[in-house]
Amino acid sequence: MVKDPRKPRGKMSSYAYFVQTCREEHKKKHPEATVNFSEFSKKCSERWKTMSAKEKGKFEDMAKQDKVRYEREMKNYIPPKGEKKKRFKDPNAPKRPPSAFFIFCGDYRPKIKGENPGLTIGDIAKKLGEMWNNLSADVKQPYERKAAKLKEKYDKDIALYRTKGIAGLSKQDGGEDDEEDEDEEEEDDEEEEDDE
């Protein structure tokens, strides 16, 4: 697939800005030297890991500014026919509520991690799925009630958001830290990386 030359340049991370700065410094000190990319990358990575939060701050600010630039440019970008335009995700939009299963996972994941510190994320998820499937309807009921309450609140918030463009958001009832949203955001991030 040919990249559209009119498409805005992808947003850069704070680490990417740091590496770019290191590269520029290296070019100034050694204008004639050729750079071994893997060694250079290793040195940058080691240096980044030892930097304080204050030192990283300027790079994080650069990344935030670039993200604003990218989002602004993407709002005005119209992809060529045949390509779908990526939906802009409003950070002020209400977050979708977790399902009964995800509420259950939130309660039991720390326990499983504590009992089995060597398990991978996938193994923990598998174990949680098995536990959920083996629960009786009575034991599932409190999770389903809580999920229904959160869904009701979300429906009100999203209706208000759509009519007024704002949300009557409150991060109570365990609505924040929604794993479904995190998964969607990770997928969005992966799509963005694929686009670059």
Protein backbone atom coordinates (compact mmCIF):
# COMPACT_ATOMS: atom_id res chain seq x y z
CA MET A 1 0.00 0.00 0.00
CA VAL A 2 1.41 3.41 -0.98
CA LYS A 3 1.57 5.98 1.80
CA ASP A 4 -0.42 9.16 1.19
CA PRO A 5 2.10 12.06 1.06
CA ARG A 6 -0.58 14.44 2.36
CA LYS A 7 -1.13 12.40 5.52
CA PRO A 8 0.17 14.20 8.65
CA ARG A 9 3.46 12.97 10.07
CA GLY A 10 2.87 10.56 12.96
CA LYS A 11 3.25 11.76 16.53
CA MET A 12 6.59 11.22 18.23
CA SER A 13 7.09 9.81 21.72
CA SER A 14 9.22 11.49 24.38
CA TYR A 15 11.86 8.79 23.89
CA ALA A 16 11.93 9.43 20.12
CA TYR A 17 12.58 13.13 20.81
CA PHE A 18 15.37 12.14 23.19
CA VAL A 19 17.01 9.87 20.59
CA GLN A 20 16.70 12.61 17.97
CA THR A 21 18.46 15.06 20.32
CA CYS A 22 21.21 12.50 21.02
CA ARG A 23 21.68 12.00 17.27
CA GLU A 24 21.99 15.76 16.69
CA GLU A 25 24.51 16.10 19.56
CA HIS A 26 26.53 13.20 18.15
CA LYS A 27 26.57 14.76 14.65
CA LYS A 28 27.85 18.07 16.07
CA LYS A 29 30.66 16.36 18.00
CA HIS A 30 31.58 13.86 15.27
CA PRO A 31 30.39 15.21 11.87
CA GLU A 32 32.47 12.75 9.83
CA ALA A 33 31.83 9.60 11.89
CA THR A 34 29.46 6.88 10.71
CA VAL A 35 27.09 5.61 13.38
CA ASN A 36 26.56 1.96 14.28
CA PHE A 37 22.80 2.13 14.82
CA SER A 38 22.44 -0.81 17.22
CA GLU A 39 25.27 0.43 19.50
CA PHE A 40 23.94 3.98 19.37
CA SER A 41 20.44 2.75 20.25
CA LYS A 42 21.76 0.73 23.19
CA LYS A 43 23.64 3.76 24.57
CA CYS A 44 20.56 5.96 24.17
CA SER A 45 18.40 3.38 25.92
CA GLU A 46 20.83 3.06 28.85
CA ARG A 47 21.07 6.84 29.17
CA TRP A 48 17.26 7.20 29.08
CA LYS A 49 16.83 4.62 31.84
CA THR A 50 19.17 6.52 34.17
CA MET A 51 17.64 9.96 33.53
CA SER A 52 15.56 11.63 36.21
CA ALA A 53 11.90 12.52 35.69
CA LYS A 54 12.92 16.18 35.58
CA GLU A 55 15.42 15.53 32.77
CA LYS A 56 12.81 13.54 30.84
CA GLY A 57 10.27 16.32 31.38
CA LYS A 58 11.37 18.48 28.47
CA PHE A 59 11.08 15.52 26.08
CA GLU A 60 7.65 14.64 27.49
CA ASP A 61 6.54 18.25 26.90
CA MET A 62 7.77 18.04 23.30
CA ALA A 63 5.81 14.80 22.83
CA LYS A 64 2.63 16.37 24.28
CA GLN A 65 2.93 19.34 21.92
CA ASP A 66 3.49 16.99 18.99
CA LYS A 67 0.44 14.93 19.96
CA VAL A 68 -1.69 18.12 19.92
CA ARG A 69 -0.25 18.99 16.49
CA TYR A 70 -0.94 15.48 15.18
CA GLU A 71 -4.55 15.42 16.46
CA ARG A 72 -5.20 18.89 15.00
CA GLU A 73 -3.80 17.86 11.60
CA MET A 74 -5.66 14.53 11.61
CA LYS A 75 -8.98 16.32 12.17
CA ASN A 76 -8.49 18.11 8.86
CA TYR A 77 -7.02 15.14 6.99
CA ILE A 78 -9.23 13.44 4.44
CA PRO A 79 -7.85 10.05 3.37
CA PRO A 80 -7.97 9.07 -0.29
CA LYS A 81 -10.98 7.01 -1.42
CA GLY A 82 -10.77 3.40 -0.36
CA GLU A 83 -8.98 4.25 2.91
CA LYS A 84 -11.03 4.75 6.01
CA LYS A 85 -10.42 7.79 8.16
CA LYS A 86 -9.52 6.92 11.70
CA ARG A 87 -12.21 7.95 14.09
CA PHE A 88 -11.07 10.72 16.41
CA LYS A 89 -11.50 9.67 20.02
CA ASP A 90 -12.66 12.53 22.21
CA PRO A 91 -10.90 12.32 25.60
CA ASN A 92 -13.94 14.00 27.21
CA ALA A 93 -16.37 11.33 26.02
CA PRO A 94 -17.72 9.04 28.74
CA LYS A 95 -15.82 5.79 29.11
CA ARG A 96 -17.71 2.61 28.36
CA PRO A 97 -18.47 0.71 31.59
CA PRO A 98 -16.84 -2.61 32.37
CA SER A 99 -18.84 -5.81 31.95
CA ALA A 100 -19.71 -8.07 34.88
CA PHE A 101 -16.78 -10.27 33.91
CA PHE A 102 -14.31 -7.35 33.98
CA ILE A 103 -15.59 -6.25 37.40
CA PHE A 104 -15.07 -9.83 38.59
CA CYS A 105 -11.53 -9.79 37.10
CA GLY A 106 -10.75 -6.56 38.95
CA ASP A 107 -11.61 -8.28 42.23
CA TYR A 108 -9.76 -11.55 41.60
CA ARG A 109 -6.72 -10.63 39.45
CA PRO A 110 -4.58 -9.39 42.41
CA LYS A 111 -5.36 -12.57 44.34
CA ILE A 112 -4.33 -14.82 41.42
CA LYS A 113 -1.18 -12.75 40.81
CA GLY A 114 -0.27 -13.03 44.49
CA GLU A 115 -0.79 -16.78 44.59
CA ASN A 116 0.96 -17.39 41.24
CA PRO A 117 3.61 -14.69 40.67
CA GLY A 118 5.13 -16.57 37.71
CA LEU A 119 1.95 -16.58 35.58
CA THR A 120 1.86 -14.56 32.38
CA ILE A 121 -0.92 -12.05 31.68
CA GLY A 122 -2.47 -14.53 29.25
CA ASP A 123 -2.41 -17.36 31.81
CA ILE A 124 -4.02 -15.12 34.43
CA ALA A 125 -6.74 -14.15 31.94
CA LYS A 126 -7.33 -17.83 31.11
CA LYS A 127 -7.60 -18.70 34.80
CA LEU A 128 -10.04 -15.81 35.41
CA GLY A 129 -12.14 -16.96 32.44
CA GLU A 130 -12.31 -20.51 33.81
CA MET A 131 -13.25 -19.22 37.27
CA TRP A 132 -16.01 -17.02 35.80
CA ASN A 133 -17.42 -19.87 33.70
CA ASN A 134 -17.54 -22.15 36.75
CA LEU A 135 -19.40 -19.61 38.93
CA SER A 136 -23.06 -20.18 39.72
CA ALA A 137 -25.64 -17.61 38.61
CA ASP A 138 -26.10 -16.56 42.26
CA VAL A 139 -22.41 -15.71 42.67
CA LYS A 140 -22.36 -13.84 39.33
CA GLN A 141 -25.44 -11.81 40.23
CA PRO A 142 -23.74 -9.01 42.29
CA TYR A 143 -21.27 -8.42 39.43
CA GLU A 144 -24.09 -8.33 36.90
CA ARG A 145 -26.06 -5.88 39.07
CA LYS A 146 -23.05 -3.59 39.40
CA ALA A 147 -22.38 -3.78 35.65
CA ALA A 148 -26.05 -2.93 34.94
CA LYS A 149 -25.84 0.12 37.25
CA LEU A 150 -22.66 1.30 35.54
CA LYS A 151 -24.25 0.74 32.12
CA GLU A 152 -27.30 2.80 33.17
CA LYS A 153 -25.05 5.64 34.30
CA TYR A 154 -23.05 5.41 31.09
CA ASP A 155 -26.22 5.55 28.97
CA LYS A 156 -27.26 8.77 30.77
CA ASP A 157 -23.77 10.26 30.45
CA ILE A 158 -23.46 9.42 26.75
CA ALA A 159 -26.93 10.85 26.01
CA LEU A 160 -25.97 14.06 27.81
CA TYR A 161 -22.61 14.13 26.05
CA ARG A 162 -24.20 13.69 22.62
CA THR A 163 -26.79 16.41 23.19
CA LYS A 164 -24.56 18.96 24.89
CA GLY A 165 -21.09 17.90 23.82
CA ILE A 166 -20.08 17.44 27.45
CA ALA A 167 -20.42 14.62 29.89
CA GLY A 168 -21.73 14.64 33.42
CA LEU A 169 -18.82 12.41 34.29
CA SER A 170 -18.00 11.17 37.71
CA LYS A 171 -15.32 8.56 38.14
CA GLN A 172 -17.14 6.81 40.95
CA ASP A 173 -18.75 3.39 40.90
CA GLY A 174 -15.50 1.86 39.60
CA GLY A 175 -16.14 3.20 36.09
CA GLU A 176 -12.54 4.25 35.60
CA ASP A 177 -9.70 1.92 34.78
CA ASP A 178 -11.91 0.07 32.31
CA GLU A 179 -10.00 -2.77 30.72
CA GLU A 180 -12.16 -2.81 27.60
CA ASP A 181 -11.23 0.84 26.97
CA GLU A 182 -7.57 0.07 27.62
CA ASP A 183 -7.73 -2.74 25.06
CA GLU A 184 -9.39 -0.38 22.54
CA GLU A 185 -6.75 2.28 23.20
CA GLU A 186 -3.97 -0.29 22.75
CA GLU A 187 -5.55 -1.39 19.47
CA ASP A 188 -5.80 2.28 18.44
CA ASP A 189 -2.12 2.77 19.31
CA GLU A 190 -1.16 -0.34 17.32
CA GLU A 191 -3.16 0.94 14.33
CA GLU A 192 -1.36 4.29 14.57
CA GLU A 193 2.02 2.54 14.65
CA ASP A 194 1.00 0.47 11.62
CA ASP A 195 0.02 3.69 9.81
CA GLU A 196 3.50 5.17 10.26
